């Protein structure tokens, strides 16, 4: 048995070929090169999400010669074991991620309502409210940048370095939490269909 991994597909494969039926091996005869040539997949579903052309998530097996990168593998052979339409799963995951940081801004109520309920009838209004908030934040950032330009550069540099380090640590912790959350959601979605992950 080969390596079990994850792969998102659209209506066709990236090279235009039709997506094969479950259990059918695809084979690549040319050279293997990460991001360029071969049959790709990711060992972690969150990594596969970064390359998703569409929302069909496949549990795949890769076999034969493989090359491994940081967040993906490329192989000589790949077959789909099972697949799901992950549209709602991805929307739910995005809402969870947004709710994890909602305390960092004064989110309009319509945005909070959409994120907590997932009510699709609220999505357009929530998107408009976010767009308005982003424009207001951009204006405030421009004013802050003008003020910062007039302040003491040495103090700013020291403060920025400390802030950057704290932000990087927080970002890494948040990314680890997102990876774990997405993996759990994917596992539950496939398990509900009788596919062991």
Foldseek 3Di string as FASTA:
>chain_A
DAQKFKAADDCDHPVRHGADDAPDKDFFDDDDDPPPGAAKGFRFVVLNVVVHPAQKMFTKGADDDWDDDDGMIGGRMMGGNDIDRCPVVVVLLVLVLCVVCVVVDDQDVLLVVCSVPVPPVSVVVSVVSVVVVVVVVVVVVVVVVVVVVPDDPVVVVVVVVVVVVVVVVVVVVSVVVSSVVSRVSVQVVVVVVVDHD
